[in-house]
């Protein structure tokens, strides 16, 4: 069990560290994903997945647990269901792993994930596009040290931490010929063993996790948008009033 946890931590360090740059340069095209940070049900499920599958090794040092009240969770719900690494709801989301041990094992602490959805954008798409694609394209590959590989990030060092939910899959390729050269083109998936979720359910869960990561990178974004709309409406009203006052002031001037 300890070896599995260490492999997951090391793999996540590669994923969210410098290795993510390599992922942006190769692999399959990213699927488009439009986050919905107004969907509190999705955000709550994403927070649960984050705490259960990510927080063991990676902190979110700029996010406090009590900010989860902004997505509709009560303080008691946070204490009962999400406080695995602390007993204070006002604490930041610190990783369960000991920083000293992490530095000893990996040479550096696993990177913080607070801003990961904002920092992974590239010419291929947004950070949300990358995360959504990456987390859904793991496949079994016994030639790799972890036993897993990824289409979005070939030769990734991270194991598939969500494999129990998705099950075990392998990619299916078909031969394609172009300009006299034959190549293998990805054509779909073959399910080796089923997961706890159907394909549709898993995609939705990954979407919830990505939604949460997107929201966590800027938890004030929804408030800012509401305030912005209110300011624009106020300015439009002020412009109308100013226009009518100007017309009334100059109506007798020839």
Protein backbone atom coordinates (compact mmCIF):
# COMPACT_ATOMS: atom_id res chain seq x y z
CA UNK A 1 0.00 0.00 0.00
CA UNK A 2 2.84 2.37 0.87
CA UNK A 3 4.49 1.73 -2.49
CA UNK A 4 1.24 2.53 -4.29
CA UNK A 5 0.87 5.82 -2.42
CA UNK A 6 4.49 6.76 -3.13
CA UNK A 7 4.06 5.96 -6.82
CA UNK A 8 0.95 8.12 -6.97
CA UNK A 9 2.71 11.02 -5.26
CA UNK A 10 5.70 10.79 -7.57
CA UNK A 11 3.48 10.53 -10.63
CA UNK A 12 1.42 13.56 -9.62
CA UNK A 13 4.62 15.52 -9.11
CA UNK A 14 5.60 14.74 -12.68
CA UNK A 15 2.13 15.56 -13.99
CA UNK A 16 1.72 18.95 -12.35
CA UNK A 17 5.38 19.91 -12.41
CA UNK A 18 7.70 20.45 -15.33
CA UNK A 19 6.48 17.30 -17.07
CA UNK A 20 3.20 19.00 -17.91
CA UNK A 21 5.08 21.13 -20.42
CA UNK A 22 6.05 17.98 -22.30
CA UNK A 23 2.43 16.85 -22.28
CA UNK A 24 1.43 20.05 -24.02
CA UNK A 25 3.85 19.22 -26.83
CA UNK A 26 2.70 15.68 -27.58
CA UNK A 27 -0.10 13.17 -27.23
CA UNK A 28 -3.65 13.39 -28.52
CA UNK A 29 -5.47 16.66 -29.11
CA UNK A 30 -7.17 17.94 -25.98
CA UNK A 31 -10.91 17.53 -25.65
CA UNK A 32 -12.77 20.78 -25.14
CA UNK A 33 -14.28 21.24 -21.71
CA UNK A 34 -16.25 24.28 -20.62
CA UNK A 35 -16.20 24.59 -16.81
CA UNK A 36 -19.41 25.51 -15.02
CA UNK A 37 -18.38 27.11 -11.74
CA UNK A 38 -21.97 28.09 -10.98
CA UNK A 39 -23.05 24.45 -10.57
CA UNK A 40 -22.71 23.94 -6.81
CA UNK A 41 -23.64 20.24 -7.00
CA UNK A 42 -20.79 19.64 -9.44
CA UNK A 43 -18.37 21.71 -7.35
CA UNK A 44 -19.25 19.82 -4.17
CA UNK A 45 -18.64 16.46 -5.83
CA UNK A 46 -15.41 17.80 -7.31
CA UNK A 47 -14.27 18.94 -3.85
CA UNK A 48 -14.94 15.44 -2.51
CA UNK A 49 -12.93 13.85 -5.31
CA UNK A 50 -10.10 16.33 -4.80
CA UNK A 51 -9.86 15.61 -1.08
CA UNK A 52 -10.01 11.84 -1.59
CA UNK A 53 -7.69 11.45 -4.58
CA UNK A 54 -5.40 14.50 -4.74
CA UNK A 55 -4.86 15.87 -1.25
CA UNK A 56 -2.81 12.90 -0.06
CA UNK A 57 0.25 14.29 -1.81
CA UNK A 58 -0.62 17.77 -3.06
CA UNK A 59 -1.60 20.82 -1.07
CA UNK A 60 -3.86 23.68 -2.06
CA UNK A 61 -2.07 26.20 0.13
CA UNK A 62 -4.06 29.21 -1.07
CA UNK A 63 -7.45 27.63 -0.29
CA UNK A 64 -9.00 27.33 3.15
CA UNK A 65 -11.55 24.66 3.96
CA UNK A 66 -14.09 27.27 5.10
CA UNK A 67 -14.13 28.75 1.59
CA UNK A 68 -16.04 25.64 0.57
CA UNK A 69 -19.04 27.31 2.16
CA UNK A 70 -19.06 29.45 -0.99
CA UNK A 71 -20.12 26.37 -2.98
CA UNK A 72 -23.00 25.54 -0.68
CA UNK A 73 -21.42 23.33 1.98
CA UNK A 74 -22.10 24.04 5.65
CA UNK A 75 -19.29 24.21 8.18
CA UNK A 76 -20.55 20.99 9.75
CA UNK A 77 -20.58 19.19 6.38
CA UNK A 78 -17.00 20.27 5.79
CA UNK A 79 -15.94 19.03 9.22
CA UNK A 80 -17.76 15.70 8.87
CA UNK A 81 -16.76 14.85 5.29
CA UNK A 82 -13.70 16.75 4.11
CA UNK A 83 -11.33 17.41 7.01
CA UNK A 84 -8.89 14.53 6.56
CA UNK A 85 -5.63 16.42 7.09
CA UNK A 86 -6.64 18.83 9.89
CA UNK A 87 -9.32 19.35 12.52
CA UNK A 88 -9.75 23.09 11.98
CA UNK A 89 -12.10 24.32 9.27
CA UNK A 90 -10.15 27.56 8.95
CA UNK A 91 -6.93 25.79 7.97
CA UNK A 92 -5.56 25.74 4.46
CA UNK A 93 -5.78 22.52 2.44
CA UNK A 94 -2.46 20.92 3.30
CA UNK A 95 -1.32 17.59 1.91
CA UNK A 96 -1.36 14.54 4.14
CA UNK A 97 2.23 13.72 3.21
CA UNK A 98 5.01 14.97 5.51
CA UNK A 99 6.99 17.70 3.64
CA UNK A 100 10.29 16.46 5.06
CA UNK A 101 9.60 12.91 3.92
CA UNK A 102 8.42 14.13 0.52
CA UNK A 103 11.63 16.08 0.03
CA UNK A 104 13.67 13.07 1.12
CA UNK A 105 11.81 10.67 -1.18
CA UNK A 106 11.39 12.87 -4.27
CA UNK A 107 14.05 15.55 -3.86
CA UNK A 108 11.31 18.21 -3.66
CA UNK A 109 7.80 18.60 -2.31
CA UNK A 110 4.95 17.78 -4.73
CA UNK A 111 3.73 21.06 -6.26
CA UNK A 112 0.71 22.96 -5.00
CA UNK A 113 -2.50 22.53 -7.03
CA UNK A 114 -4.41 25.69 -6.13
CA UNK A 115 -3.76 27.31 -9.50
CA UNK A 116 -3.19 24.23 -11.65
CA UNK A 117 -6.26 24.81 -13.87
CA UNK A 118 -5.11 28.36 -14.60
CA UNK A 119 -1.47 27.51 -15.22
CA UNK A 120 -1.77 24.64 -17.73
CA UNK A 121 -3.25 26.52 -20.66
CA UNK A 122 -1.36 26.37 -23.96
CA UNK A 123 -1.92 26.76 -27.68
CA UNK A 124 -3.90 23.50 -27.53
CA UNK A 125 -6.54 24.84 -25.18
CA UNK A 126 -7.30 25.87 -21.63
CA UNK A 127 -5.99 24.29 -18.46
CA UNK A 128 -9.44 22.77 -17.99
CA UNK A 129 -9.20 21.16 -21.45
CA UNK A 130 -5.86 19.60 -20.53
CA UNK A 131 -6.96 18.27 -17.14
CA UNK A 132 -10.22 16.87 -18.54
CA UNK A 133 -8.38 15.08 -21.34
CA UNK A 134 -5.51 13.81 -19.23
CA UNK A 135 -7.61 12.32 -16.44
CA UNK A 136 -9.75 10.38 -18.96
CA UNK A 137 -7.05 8.92 -21.21
CA UNK A 138 -5.09 6.56 -18.97
CA UNK A 139 -4.59 3.01 -20.20
CA UNK A 140 -2.89 -0.16 -19.02
CA UNK A 141 0.73 -0.48 -20.17
CA UNK A 142 2.81 -3.17 -18.48
CA UNK A 143 6.00 -1.83 -20.08
CA UNK A 144 5.90 1.22 -17.79
CA UNK A 145 7.12 1.20 -14.18
CA UNK A 146 3.69 2.18 -12.85
CA UNK A 147 1.83 -0.15 -15.21
CA UNK A 148 0.00 2.81 -16.77
CA UNK A 149 0.39 5.19 -19.67
CA UNK A 150 -1.59 8.14 -21.00
CA UNK A 151 -2.59 9.29 -24.49
CA UNK A 152 -2.49 12.99 -23.60
CA UNK A 153 0.87 12.62 -21.86
CA UNK A 154 2.80 9.68 -23.37
CA UNK A 155 5.15 7.90 -20.94
CA UNK A 156 3.73 9.77 -17.96
CA UNK A 157 5.19 8.74 -14.61
CA UNK A 158 1.85 8.93 -12.84
CA UNK A 159 -0.29 5.86 -12.13
CA UNK A 160 -4.00 5.98 -12.81
CA UNK A 161 -5.28 7.03 -9.38
CA UNK A 162 -8.91 6.89 -10.58
CA UNK A 163 -8.66 3.42 -12.12
CA UNK A 164 -11.13 1.84 -9.69
CA UNK A 165 -13.77 4.28 -10.90
CA UNK A 166 -12.99 4.01 -14.61
CA UNK A 167 -11.80 0.42 -14.81
CA UNK A 168 -8.92 -0.85 -16.93
CA UNK A 169 -8.82 0.09 -20.61
CA UNK A 170 -6.45 -0.24 -23.55
CA UNK A 171 -6.48 1.88 -26.71
CA UNK A 172 -7.48 0.42 -30.06
CA UNK A 173 -5.59 1.55 -33.15
CA UNK A 174 -6.34 1.23 -36.83
CA UNK A 175 -3.92 1.44 -39.71
CA UNK A 176 -4.01 4.56 -41.84
CA UNK A 177 -2.06 5.25 -45.03
CA UNK A 178 -1.01 8.74 -46.09
CA UNK A 179 1.42 9.59 -48.89
CA UNK A 180 2.55 5.99 -49.01
CA UNK A 181 3.29 5.79 -45.31
CA UNK A 182 1.30 3.58 -42.96
CA UNK A 183 0.63 4.80 -39.44
CA UNK A 184 -1.36 3.64 -36.45
CA UNK A 185 -4.23 5.99 -35.59
CA UNK A 186 -6.13 5.90 -32.32
CA UNK A 187 -9.63 4.57 -32.98
CA UNK A 188 -11.19 4.08 -29.55
CA UNK A 189 -11.02 2.06 -26.37
CA UNK A 190 -11.34 -1.57 -25.37
CA UNK A 191 -12.57 -2.09 -21.81
CA UNK A 192 -10.52 -4.83 -20.12
CA UNK A 193 -12.24 -4.74 -16.73
CA UNK A 194 -15.21 -2.59 -15.72
CA UNK A 195 -14.96 0.16 -13.17
CA UNK A 196 -17.33 1.24 -10.44
CA UNK A 197 -18.73 3.84 -12.84
CA UNK A 198 -19.97 3.69 -16.39
CA UNK A 199 -18.09 5.69 -19.02
CA UNK A 200 -20.67 8.46 -18.86
CA UNK A 201 -20.60 8.59 -15.07
CA UNK A 202 -16.81 8.69 -15.02
CA UNK A 203 -16.64 11.50 -17.55
CA UNK A 204 -19.11 13.46 -15.44
CA UNK A 205 -17.09 12.87 -12.28
CA UNK A 206 -13.90 14.02 -13.98
CA UNK A 207 -15.81 17.06 -15.18
CA UNK A 208 -16.84 17.76 -11.59
CA UNK A 209 -13.22 17.50 -10.44
CA UNK A 210 -12.06 19.84 -13.21
CA UNK A 211 -14.88 22.25 -12.34
CA UNK A 212 -13.64 22.32 -8.76
CA UNK A 213 -10.01 22.86 -9.80
CA UNK A 214 -11.15 25.70 -12.06
CA UNK A 215 -13.18 27.29 -9.25
CA UNK A 216 -10.37 26.82 -6.71
CA UNK A 217 -7.98 28.78 -8.92
CA UNK A 218 -10.26 31.83 -8.69
CA UNK A 219 -13.03 31.38 -6.09
CA UNK A 220 -14.19 34.99 -6.52
CA UNK A 221 -14.88 34.67 -10.23
CA UNK A 222 -18.65 34.23 -9.88
CA UNK A 223 -18.96 37.17 -7.48
CA UNK A 224 -16.85 39.30 -9.80
CA UNK A 225 -19.10 38.48 -12.75
CA UNK A 226 -22.26 39.33 -10.78
CA UNK A 227 -20.78 42.62 -9.61
CA UNK A 228 -19.60 43.39 -13.13
CA UNK A 229 -23.09 42.91 -14.57
CA UNK A 230 -24.54 45.15 -11.85
CA UNK A 231 -21.95 47.86 -12.57
CA UNK A 232 -22.71 47.76 -16.30
CA UNK A 233 -26.45 48.07 -15.65
CA UNK A 234 -25.80 51.02 -13.31
CA UNK A 235 -23.60 52.75 -15.88
CA UNK A 236 -26.19 52.27 -18.62
CA UNK A 237 -28.85 53.80 -16.36
CA UNK A 238 -26.54 56.69 -15.50
CA UNK A 239 -25.81 57.31 -19.18
CA UNK A 240 -29.56 57.43 -19.93
CA UNK A 241 -30.20 59.88 -17.09
CA UNK A 242 -27.27 62.06 -18.15
CA UNK A 243 -28.49 62.06 -21.75
CA UNK A 244 -31.99 63.18 -20.71
CA UNK A 245 -30.61 65.86 -18.37
CA UNK A 246 -28.40 67.14 -21.17
CA UNK A 247 -31.40 67.30 -23.51
CA UNK A 248 -33.48 69.17 -20.91
CA UNK A 249 -30.67 71.65 -20.19
CA UNK A 250 -30.12 72.58 -23.83
CA UNK A 251 -33.72 72.45 -25.10
CA UNK A 252 -34.22 76.26 -24.89
CA UNK A 253 -30.79 77.11 -26.28
CA UNK A 254 -30.82 77.94 -29.94
